[in-house]
Amino acid sequence: MTSSPIEQNAGLPLTPAVTRELLLRTADLPGADWRVLAYYVTAAPLGQTVRETAKVVAEALQLSPGSISKSISRLIDGGWLTIAFRVGRVPFYRAGDQVMRLAVSNEEQDEAPLASVRHLPIRVAAEGE
């Protein structure tokens, strides 16, 4: 059985490039969804569970419980968030597979060398040149 990108890569850095890609790829979602996603991907290292309830997140973002519930549902449906676990009936979330794939692909690009360096031979000028 294969594990998800989340399980394989928990703790990847949230770089400016990943953040920009998240913003561009979620541009068609309502603005509240971006705020909720941004909160969850910055509240804990990528792939780790945010240990705050949706109610706490709603209060921090000044969103109504209904708005945050709808945003979380859309983000889960799109693969941007996932339920990490439940305590009773209270779910806790973390970055979803979509976010983790972006982070993994960005890390792989960062590891590729941008260029190779070669030193040019130095010619010593003779006296009188």
Protein backbone atom coordinates (compact mmCIF):
# COMPACT_ATOMS: atom_id res chain seq x y z
CA MET A 1 0.00 0.00 0.00
CA THR A 2 1.43 3.40 -0.95
CA SER A 3 1.30 6.35 1.39
CA SER A 4 0.12 9.80 0.43
CA PRO A 5 2.48 12.72 -0.27
CA ILE A 6 1.48 14.07 3.14
CA GLU A 7 2.73 11.01 5.00
CA GLN A 8 5.92 10.81 2.94
CA ASN A 9 6.88 14.48 3.18
CA ALA A 10 5.56 15.95 6.42
CA GLY A 11 7.52 19.02 7.39
CA LEU A 12 8.44 20.34 3.94
CA PRO A 13 9.12 24.08 3.88
CA LEU A 14 6.46 26.51 2.73
CA THR A 15 8.54 28.57 0.33
CA PRO A 16 7.50 31.77 -1.44
CA ALA A 17 7.32 29.76 -4.69
CA VAL A 18 4.91 27.23 -3.16
CA THR A 19 2.83 30.02 -1.63
CA ARG A 20 2.61 31.76 -5.01
CA GLU A 21 1.55 28.52 -6.73
CA LEU A 22 -1.11 27.96 -4.07
CA LEU A 23 -2.44 31.46 -4.64
CA LEU A 24 -2.54 31.03 -8.42
CA ARG A 25 -4.07 27.55 -8.34
CA THR A 26 -6.81 28.55 -5.90
CA ALA A 27 -7.65 31.81 -7.69
CA ASP A 28 -11.08 30.52 -8.73
CA LEU A 29 -12.09 29.84 -5.10
CA PRO A 30 -13.81 32.45 -2.91
CA GLY A 31 -11.47 34.76 -0.98
CA ALA A 32 -12.41 33.21 2.36
CA ASP A 33 -11.10 29.87 1.07
CA TRP A 34 -7.67 31.39 0.41
CA ARG A 35 -7.61 32.90 3.92
CA VAL A 36 -8.53 29.55 5.48
CA LEU A 37 -5.97 27.64 3.39
CA ALA A 38 -3.27 30.20 4.14
CA TYR A 39 -4.00 29.86 7.84
CA TYR A 40 -3.75 26.08 7.79
CA VAL A 41 -0.54 25.92 5.74
CA THR A 42 1.19 28.50 7.95
CA ALA A 43 -0.04 27.37 11.39
CA ALA A 44 2.10 24.20 11.41
CA PRO A 45 4.85 22.72 9.25
CA LEU A 46 3.40 21.37 5.99
CA GLY A 47 1.90 17.94 6.46
CA GLN A 48 1.53 18.31 10.23
CA THR A 49 -1.81 18.72 11.93
CA VAL A 50 -3.01 22.15 12.97
CA ARG A 51 -4.11 21.61 16.53
CA GLU A 52 -6.74 24.33 16.55
CA THR A 53 -10.43 23.77 16.03
CA ALA A 54 -12.27 25.31 13.10
CA LYS A 55 -14.04 27.52 15.64
CA VAL A 56 -10.69 28.99 16.78
CA VAL A 57 -9.61 29.47 13.17
CA ALA A 58 -12.92 31.17 12.34
CA GLU A 59 -12.47 33.59 15.23
CA ALA A 60 -8.87 34.34 14.24
CA LEU A 61 -9.89 35.03 10.62
CA GLN A 62 -13.06 36.85 11.66
CA LEU A 63 -15.24 34.47 9.66
CA SER A 64 -18.60 33.06 10.66
CA PRO A 65 -18.79 29.37 11.58
CA GLY A 66 -20.89 28.77 8.46
CA SER A 67 -18.34 30.46 6.18
CA ILE A 68 -15.42 28.53 7.57
CA SER A 69 -17.34 25.27 7.36
CA LYS A 70 -18.10 25.89 3.66
CA SER A 71 -14.51 26.94 2.95
CA ILE A 72 -13.09 23.86 4.67
CA SER A 73 -15.49 21.61 2.73
CA ARG A 74 -14.45 23.15 -0.61
CA LEU A 75 -10.77 22.90 0.31
CA ILE A 76 -11.15 19.24 1.28
CA ASP A 77 -13.07 18.51 -1.94
CA GLY A 78 -10.25 20.13 -3.93
CA GLY A 79 -7.53 18.23 -2.09
CA TRP A 80 -6.10 21.40 -0.49
CA LEU A 81 -6.92 20.28 3.08
CA THR A 82 -7.49 16.89 4.64
CA ILE A 83 -8.83 15.68 7.95
CA ALA A 84 -5.88 14.53 10.03
CA PHE A 85 -7.92 13.03 12.87
CA ARG A 86 -11.00 13.56 15.00
CA VAL A 87 -11.40 13.94 18.73
CA GLY A 88 -14.99 12.93 19.30
CA ARG A 89 -16.89 14.86 16.65
CA VAL A 90 -14.26 17.62 16.31
CA PRO A 91 -12.06 17.28 13.20
CA PHE A 92 -8.50 18.60 12.95
CA TYR A 93 -6.96 19.41 9.58
CA ARG A 94 -3.63 19.60 7.79
CA ALA A 95 -2.42 20.50 4.31
CA GLY A 96 -3.85 18.17 1.67
CA ASP A 97 -2.24 16.23 -1.17
CA GLN A 98 -2.48 19.19 -3.59
CA VAL A 99 -0.37 21.37 -1.29
CA MET A 100 2.12 18.61 -0.60
CA ARG A 101 2.56 17.84 -4.31
CA LEU A 102 3.40 21.51 -4.94
CA ALA A 103 5.89 21.51 -2.06
CA VAL A 104 7.53 18.28 -3.26
CA SER A 105 7.83 19.48 -6.86
CA ASN A 106 9.25 22.80 -5.66
CA GLU A 107 11.82 21.03 -3.48
CA GLU A 108 12.87 18.82 -6.39
CA GLN A 109 13.35 21.91 -8.56
CA ASP A 110 15.41 23.57 -5.84
CA GLU A 111 17.73 20.56 -5.68
CA ALA A 112 18.50 20.68 -9.40
CA PRO A 113 21.65 22.64 -10.19
CA LEU A 114 21.00 25.92 -11.95
CA ALA A 115 24.31 25.90 -13.80
CA SER A 116 27.74 24.38 -13.73
CA VAL A 117 30.78 26.51 -13.00
CA ARG A 118 33.98 26.23 -14.97
CA HIS A 119 37.04 28.31 -14.34
CA LEU A 120 38.65 29.97 -17.31
CA PRO A 121 42.39 29.54 -17.74
CA ILE A 122 44.38 32.59 -16.66
CA ARG A 123 46.97 33.79 -19.08
CA VAL A 124 49.94 35.51 -17.53
CA ALA A 125 51.06 38.46 -19.59
CA ALA A 126 54.74 38.54 -20.50
CA GLU A 127 56.79 41.64 -19.72
CA GLY A 128 56.37 44.26 -22.35
CA GLU A 129 52.80 43.30 -23.37
